[in-house]
Amino acid sequence: MCIFCKIANDEIPSNKVLENDEFVAFHDMYPKAPVHILIIPKEHVDCFQEVSAQTMAKMTPFIQEVATTIGVDKSGYRLITNNGDDGGQEIKHLHFHLLGGGKLKFEHLTDETHKSI
């Protein structure tokens, strides 16, 4: 069982922001922004490429509710999912990073970075 499944099943504690029967949102242990929330389906799905349209249809309003709950719905936020090894996915359980709480930079998109891609 993956670490996110254990969090979803309350086998590992997390600092939850919002939860319902199908999804859970919690603070990232290693935040990359003033606000960094991870949002996962409770049912194990390896990655975005494998998620059903039905799950995403339900997950979208949940993510929007998370943004409202933490107060970044009006100021703005970044929503990211990494897909597969080349996409930088470290945990093989679909998850979205919601980043906000200030003006976010795009440091990874500098000219130097583009040369190496």
N, C-alpha and C. Protein backbone atom coordinates (compact mmCIF):
# COMPACT_ATOMS: atom_id res chain seq x y z
N MET A 1 0.85 -1.18 0.00
CA MET A 1 0.00 0.00 0.00
C MET A 1 0.90 1.24 0.00
N CYS A 2 0.60 2.21 -0.85
CA CYS A 2 1.43 3.40 -0.96
C CYS A 2 1.15 4.36 0.20
N ILE A 3 2.04 5.32 0.38
CA ILE A 3 1.93 6.26 1.49
C ILE A 3 0.64 7.08 1.42
N PHE A 4 0.20 7.46 0.21
CA PHE A 4 -1.03 8.24 0.10
C PHE A 4 -2.26 7.39 0.42
N CYS A 5 -2.23 6.12 0.09
CA CYS A 5 -3.33 5.23 0.49
C CYS A 5 -3.40 5.13 2.01
N LYS A 6 -2.23 5.07 2.64
CA LYS A 6 -2.19 5.01 4.12
C LYS A 6 -2.73 6.30 4.73
N ILE A 7 -2.41 7.43 4.14
CA ILE A 7 -2.97 8.71 4.62
C ILE A 7 -4.48 8.72 4.42
N ALA A 8 -4.94 8.28 3.25
CA ALA A 8 -6.38 8.25 2.96
C ALA A 8 -7.13 7.34 3.93
N ASN A 9 -6.47 6.27 4.38
CA ASN A 9 -7.08 5.32 5.31
C ASN A 9 -6.81 5.66 6.77
N ASP A 10 -6.25 6.84 7.03
CA ASP A 10 -5.92 7.29 8.39
C ASP A 10 -4.95 6.37 9.11
N GLU A 11 -4.10 5.69 8.36
CA GLU A 11 -3.07 4.85 8.96
C GLU A 11 -1.82 5.67 9.25
N ILE A 12 -1.68 6.80 8.58
CA ILE A 12 -0.59 7.75 8.80
C ILE A 12 -1.25 9.10 9.04
N PRO A 13 -0.83 9.82 10.09
CA PRO A 13 -1.44 11.12 10.34
C PRO A 13 -1.04 12.15 9.28
N SER A 14 -1.93 13.10 9.05
CA SER A 14 -1.65 14.21 8.14
C SER A 14 -2.38 15.44 8.65
N ASN A 15 -1.93 16.58 8.20
CA ASN A 15 -2.56 17.85 8.56
C ASN A 15 -3.62 18.15 7.51
N LYS A 16 -4.81 17.59 7.70
CA LYS A 16 -5.88 17.69 6.71
C LYS A 16 -6.50 19.07 6.65
N VAL A 17 -6.84 19.45 5.42
CA VAL A 17 -7.52 20.71 5.14
C VAL A 17 -9.00 20.45 4.88
N LEU A 18 -9.26 19.38 4.12
CA LEU A 18 -10.63 19.05 3.73
C LEU A 18 -10.68 17.57 3.38
N GLU A 19 -11.83 16.97 3.64
CA GLU A 19 -12.00 15.55 3.34
C GLU A 19 -13.48 15.27 3.08
N ASN A 20 -13.72 14.34 2.16
CA ASN A 20 -15.06 13.81 1.98
C ASN A 20 -14.92 12.30 1.75
N ASP A 21 -15.96 11.66 1.28
CA ASP A 21 -15.92 10.21 1.11
C ASP A 21 -14.93 9.75 0.04
N GLU A 22 -14.61 10.63 -0.92
CA GLU A 22 -13.80 10.21 -2.06
C GLU A 22 -12.42 10.86 -2.16
N PHE A 23 -12.23 12.00 -1.49
CA PHE A 23 -10.98 12.74 -1.64
C PHE A 23 -10.51 13.28 -0.30
N VAL A 24 -9.21 13.56 -0.24
CA VAL A 24 -8.65 14.20 0.94
C VAL A 24 -7.59 15.20 0.49
N ALA A 25 -7.53 16.32 1.21
CA ALA A 25 -6.53 17.36 0.95
C ALA A 25 -5.78 17.61 2.26
N PHE A 26 -4.46 17.70 2.16
CA PHE A 26 -3.64 17.88 3.36
C PHE A 26 -2.39 18.68 3.02
N HIS A 27 -1.79 19.28 4.04
CA HIS A 27 -0.59 20.08 3.87
C HIS A 27 0.59 19.20 3.49
N ASP A 28 1.37 19.66 2.51
CA ASP A 28 2.59 18.96 2.10
C ASP A 28 3.63 19.11 3.22
N MET A 29 4.34 18.03 3.51
CA MET A 29 5.37 18.06 4.55
C MET A 29 6.58 18.90 4.15
N TYR A 30 6.79 19.08 2.86
CA TYR A 30 7.93 19.84 2.36
C TYR A 30 7.43 20.93 1.41
N PRO A 31 6.79 21.97 1.96
CA PRO A 31 6.14 22.97 1.11
C PRO A 31 7.10 23.73 0.21
N LYS A 32 6.63 24.02 -0.99
CA LYS A 32 7.39 24.79 -1.99
C LYS A 32 6.81 26.19 -2.15
N ALA A 33 5.81 26.53 -1.36
CA ALA A 33 5.17 27.84 -1.39
C ALA A 33 4.55 28.07 -0.01
N PRO A 34 4.15 29.32 0.30
CA PRO A 34 3.52 29.56 1.60
C PRO A 34 2.32 28.65 1.86
N VAL A 35 1.56 28.35 0.81
CA VAL A 35 0.48 27.38 0.90
C VAL A 35 0.81 26.26 -0.08
N HIS A 36 0.89 25.03 0.42
CA HIS A 36 1.18 23.87 -0.43
C HIS A 36 0.34 22.71 0.07
N ILE A 37 -0.72 22.43 -0.65
CA ILE A 37 -1.68 21.39 -0.28
C ILE A 37 -1.61 20.27 -1.30
N LEU A 38 -1.66 19.03 -0.84
CA LEU A 38 -1.76 17.87 -1.72
C LEU A 38 -3.21 17.40 -1.70
N ILE A 39 -3.71 17.07 -2.88
CA ILE A 39 -5.10 16.64 -3.02
C ILE A 39 -5.10 15.30 -3.74
N ILE A 40 -5.70 14.29 -3.10
CA ILE A 40 -5.67 12.92 -3.64
C ILE A 40 -7.05 12.29 -3.63
N PRO A 41 -7.27 11.37 -4.57
CA PRO A 41 -8.46 10.52 -4.43
C PRO A 41 -8.15 9.45 -3.38
N LYS A 42 -9.15 9.05 -2.63
CA LYS A 42 -8.94 8.00 -1.64
C LYS A 42 -8.72 6.65 -2.32
N GLU A 43 -9.38 6.45 -3.44
CA GLU A 43 -9.17 5.23 -4.21
C GLU A 43 -7.84 5.36 -4.95
N HIS A 44 -7.05 4.30 -4.93
CA HIS A 44 -5.74 4.35 -5.57
C HIS A 44 -5.87 4.42 -7.10
N VAL A 45 -5.26 5.45 -7.66
CA VAL A 45 -5.10 5.62 -9.10
C VAL A 45 -3.64 5.98 -9.27
N ASP A 46 -2.92 5.26 -10.11
CA ASP A 46 -1.48 5.49 -10.24
C ASP A 46 -1.11 6.90 -10.69
N CYS A 47 -1.80 7.40 -11.73
CA CYS A 47 -1.39 8.67 -12.30
C CYS A 47 -2.54 9.31 -13.08
N PHE A 48 -2.33 10.53 -13.53
CA PHE A 48 -3.35 11.25 -14.26
C PHE A 48 -3.75 10.53 -15.54
N GLN A 49 -2.81 9.89 -16.18
CA GLN A 49 -3.09 9.19 -17.44
C GLN A 49 -4.10 8.06 -17.24
N GLU A 50 -4.23 7.57 -16.01
CA GLU A 50 -5.12 6.44 -15.72
C GLU A 50 -6.42 6.84 -15.01
N VAL A 51 -6.58 8.11 -14.69
CA VAL A 51 -7.77 8.52 -13.94
C VAL A 51 -8.98 8.57 -14.87
N SER A 52 -10.13 8.19 -14.34
CA SER A 52 -11.35 8.23 -15.14
C SER A 52 -11.92 9.64 -15.20
N ALA A 53 -12.68 9.88 -16.24
CA ALA A 53 -13.35 11.17 -16.38
C ALA A 53 -14.34 11.38 -15.23
N GLN A 54 -14.95 10.31 -14.77
CA GLN A 54 -15.92 10.42 -13.66
C GLN A 54 -15.23 10.88 -12.38
N THR A 55 -14.05 10.33 -12.11
CA THR A 55 -13.31 10.75 -10.90
C THR A 55 -12.91 12.21 -11.02
N MET A 56 -12.41 12.62 -12.19
CA MET A 56 -12.01 14.02 -12.36
C MET A 56 -13.21 14.95 -12.28
N ALA A 57 -14.36 14.51 -12.75
CA ALA A 57 -15.57 15.34 -12.67
C ALA A 57 -15.95 15.62 -11.22
N LYS A 58 -15.70 14.66 -10.34
CA LYS A 58 -15.98 14.85 -8.92
C LYS A 58 -14.83 15.57 -8.22
N MET A 59 -13.62 15.35 -8.70
CA MET A 59 -12.44 15.94 -8.05
C MET A 59 -12.34 17.44 -8.29
N THR A 60 -12.79 17.88 -9.45
CA THR A 60 -12.70 19.31 -9.79
C THR A 60 -13.40 20.19 -8.76
N PRO A 61 -14.67 19.96 -8.41
CA PRO A 61 -15.29 20.82 -7.40
C PRO A 61 -14.66 20.66 -6.02
N PHE A 62 -14.10 19.48 -5.73
CA PHE A 62 -13.41 19.30 -4.45
C PHE A 62 -12.18 20.19 -4.40
N ILE A 63 -11.40 20.22 -5.48
CA ILE A 63 -10.20 21.07 -5.53
C ILE A 63 -10.61 22.53 -5.40
N GLN A 64 -11.67 22.93 -6.06
CA GLN A 64 -12.15 24.31 -5.96
C GLN A 64 -12.56 24.64 -4.52
N GLU A 65 -13.18 23.69 -3.85
CA GLU A 65 -13.58 23.89 -2.45
C GLU A 65 -12.35 24.01 -1.55
N VAL A 66 -11.31 23.24 -1.84
CA VAL A 66 -10.05 23.35 -1.09
C VAL A 66 -9.50 24.77 -1.23
N ALA A 67 -9.44 25.27 -2.47
CA ALA A 67 -8.93 26.62 -2.71
C ALA A 67 -9.72 27.66 -1.93
N THR A 68 -11.03 27.51 -1.88
CA THR A 68 -11.88 28.43 -1.12
C THR A 68 -11.62 28.29 0.37
N THR A 69 -11.52 27.07 0.85
CA THR A 69 -11.30 26.80 2.27
C THR A 69 -10.01 27.43 2.77
N ILE A 70 -8.95 27.35 1.97
CA ILE A 70 -7.66 27.90 2.42
C ILE A 70 -7.48 29.36 2.02
N GLY A 71 -8.47 29.92 1.31
CA GLY A 71 -8.48 31.35 1.03
C GLY A 71 -7.64 31.82 -0.14
N VAL A 72 -7.40 30.95 -1.12
CA VAL A 72 -6.63 31.38 -2.30
C VAL A 72 -7.49 31.42 -3.56
N ASP A 73 -8.77 31.17 -3.42
CA ASP A 73 -9.66 31.13 -4.58
C ASP A 73 -9.73 32.47 -5.30
N LYS A 74 -9.63 33.57 -4.59
CA LYS A 74 -9.71 34.90 -5.21
C LYS A 74 -8.33 35.42 -5.62
N SER A 75 -7.32 35.18 -4.80
CA SER A 75 -5.98 35.73 -5.07
C SER A 75 -5.24 34.93 -6.15
N GLY A 76 -5.56 33.65 -6.26
CA GLY A 76 -4.94 32.80 -7.29
C GLY A 76 -4.06 31.72 -6.70
N TYR A 77 -3.85 30.70 -7.50
CA TYR A 77 -3.04 29.56 -7.08
C TYR A 77 -2.58 28.79 -8.30
N ARG A 78 -1.64 27.91 -8.09
CA ARG A 78 -1.14 27.04 -9.15
C ARG A 78 -1.56 25.62 -8.80
N LEU A 79 -2.04 24.88 -9.79
CA LEU A 79 -2.44 23.50 -9.60
C LEU A 79 -1.57 22.64 -10.52
N ILE A 80 -0.86 21.68 -9.93
CA ILE A 80 0.12 20.89 -10.67
C ILE A 80 -0.10 19.41 -10.40
N THR A 81 0.03 18.60 -11.44
CA THR A 81 0.17 17.17 -11.25
C THR A 81 1.32 16.70 -12.13
N ASN A 82 2.16 15.86 -11.57
CA ASN A 82 3.26 15.26 -12.31
C ASN A 82 2.81 13.88 -12.75
N ASN A 83 3.10 13.53 -13.99
CA ASN A 83 2.61 12.28 -14.55
C ASN A 83 3.77 11.42 -15.04
N GLY A 84 3.98 10.28 -14.39
CA GLY A 84 5.02 9.34 -14.81
C GLY A 84 6.43 9.79 -14.44
N ASP A 85 7.38 8.91 -14.70
CA ASP A 85 8.77 9.17 -14.32
C ASP A 85 9.34 10.42 -14.97
N ASP A 86 9.17 10.56 -16.28
CA ASP A 86 9.72 11.72 -16.98
C ASP A 86 9.01 13.01 -16.59
N GLY A 87 7.80 12.91 -16.08
CA GLY A 87 7.06 14.08 -15.62
C GLY A 87 7.36 14.46 -14.19
N GLY A 88 8.22 13.68 -13.53
CA GLY A 88 8.63 14.00 -12.17
C GLY A 88 7.74 13.44 -11.08
N GLN A 89 6.89 12.48 -11.41
CA GLN A 89 6.01 11.89 -10.40
C GLN A 89 6.83 11.01 -9.47
N GLU A 90 6.86 11.34 -8.19
CA GLU A 90 7.65 10.59 -7.21
C GLU A 90 6.82 9.53 -6.50
N ILE A 91 5.55 9.82 -6.25
CA ILE A 91 4.67 8.86 -5.58
C ILE A 91 3.63 8.42 -6.59
N LYS A 92 3.55 7.13 -6.81
CA LYS A 92 2.64 6.58 -7.82
C LYS A 92 1.22 6.46 -7.28
N HIS A 93 0.64 7.60 -6.98
CA HIS A 93 -0.75 7.75 -6.58
C HIS A 93 -1.13 9.15 -7.06
N LEU A 94 -2.15 9.24 -7.89
CA LEU A 94 -2.55 10.54 -8.43
C LEU A 94 -2.66 11.57 -7.32
N HIS A 95 -2.00 12.69 -7.52
CA HIS A 95 -2.11 13.78 -6.56
C HIS A 95 -1.87 15.11 -7.27
N PHE A 96 -2.56 16.11 -6.77
CA PHE A 96 -2.41 17.47 -7.27
C PHE A 96 -1.77 18.31 -6.19
N HIS A 97 -0.86 19.16 -6.59
CA HIS A 97 -0.25 20.15 -5.70
C HIS A 97 -0.99 21.46 -5.91
N LEU A 98 -1.55 22.02 -4.86
CA LEU A 98 -2.16 23.33 -4.92
C LEU A 98 -1.20 24.28 -4.20
N LEU A 99 -0.61 25.21 -4.96
CA LEU A 99 0.38 26.15 -4.42
C LEU A 99 -0.19 27.55 -4.47
N GLY A 100 0.02 28.30 -3.41
CA GLY A 100 -0.47 29.67 -3.37
C GLY A 100 0.07 30.41 -2.17
N GLY A 101 -0.65 31.45 -1.80
CA GLY A 101 -0.27 32.22 -0.63
C GLY A 101 0.69 33.35 -0.92
N GLY A 102 0.89 33.68 -2.18
CA GLY A 102 1.78 34.77 -2.58
C GLY A 102 2.03 34.70 -4.06
N LYS A 103 2.72 35.69 -4.58
CA LYS A 103 3.06 35.73 -6.01
C LYS A 103 4.06 34.62 -6.30
N LEU A 104 3.66 33.65 -7.13
CA LEU A 104 4.51 32.51 -7.43
C LEU A 104 5.41 32.80 -8.62
N LYS A 105 6.65 32.37 -8.53
CA LYS A 105 7.62 32.56 -9.61
C LYS A 105 7.66 31.33 -10.50
N PHE A 106 8.26 31.48 -11.64
CA PHE A 106 8.46 30.38 -12.58
C PHE A 106 9.95 30.15 -12.75
N GLU A 107 10.66 29.95 -11.64
CA GLU A 107 12.12 29.81 -11.68
C GLU A 107 12.58 28.65 -12.55
N HIS A 108 11.78 27.62 -12.64
CA HIS A 108 12.17 26.44 -13.43
C HIS A 108 12.04 26.69 -14.93
N LEU A 109 11.53 27.85 -15.32
CA LEU A 109 11.34 28.15 -16.74
C LEU A 109 12.30 29.24 -17.23
N THR A 110 13.52 29.25 -16.70
CA THR A 110 14.50 30.23 -17.15
C THR A 110 15.10 29.78 -18.48
N ASP A 111 15.78 30.71 -19.15
CA ASP A 111 16.42 30.38 -20.42
C ASP A 111 17.41 29.22 -20.27
N GLU A 112 18.14 29.18 -19.18
CA GLU A 112 19.11 28.11 -18.94
C GLU A 112 18.40 26.75 -18.89
N THR A 113 17.26 26.70 -18.24
CA THR A 113 16.52 25.46 -18.14
C THR A 113 16.06 24.99 -19.52
N HIS A 114 15.58 25.91 -20.33
CA HIS A 114 15.11 25.54 -21.65
C HIS A 114 16.22 24.93 -22.50
N LYS A 115 17.44 25.36 -22.30
CA LYS A 115 18.56 24.82 -23.08
C LYS A 115 18.80 23.36 -22.76
N SER A 116 18.46 22.95 -21.54
CA SER A 116 18.74 21.56 -21.16
C SER A 116 17.58 20.61 -21.45
N ILE A 117 16.44 21.14 -21.89
CA ILE A 117 15.27 20.28 -22.14
C ILE A 117 15.36 19.69 -23.53
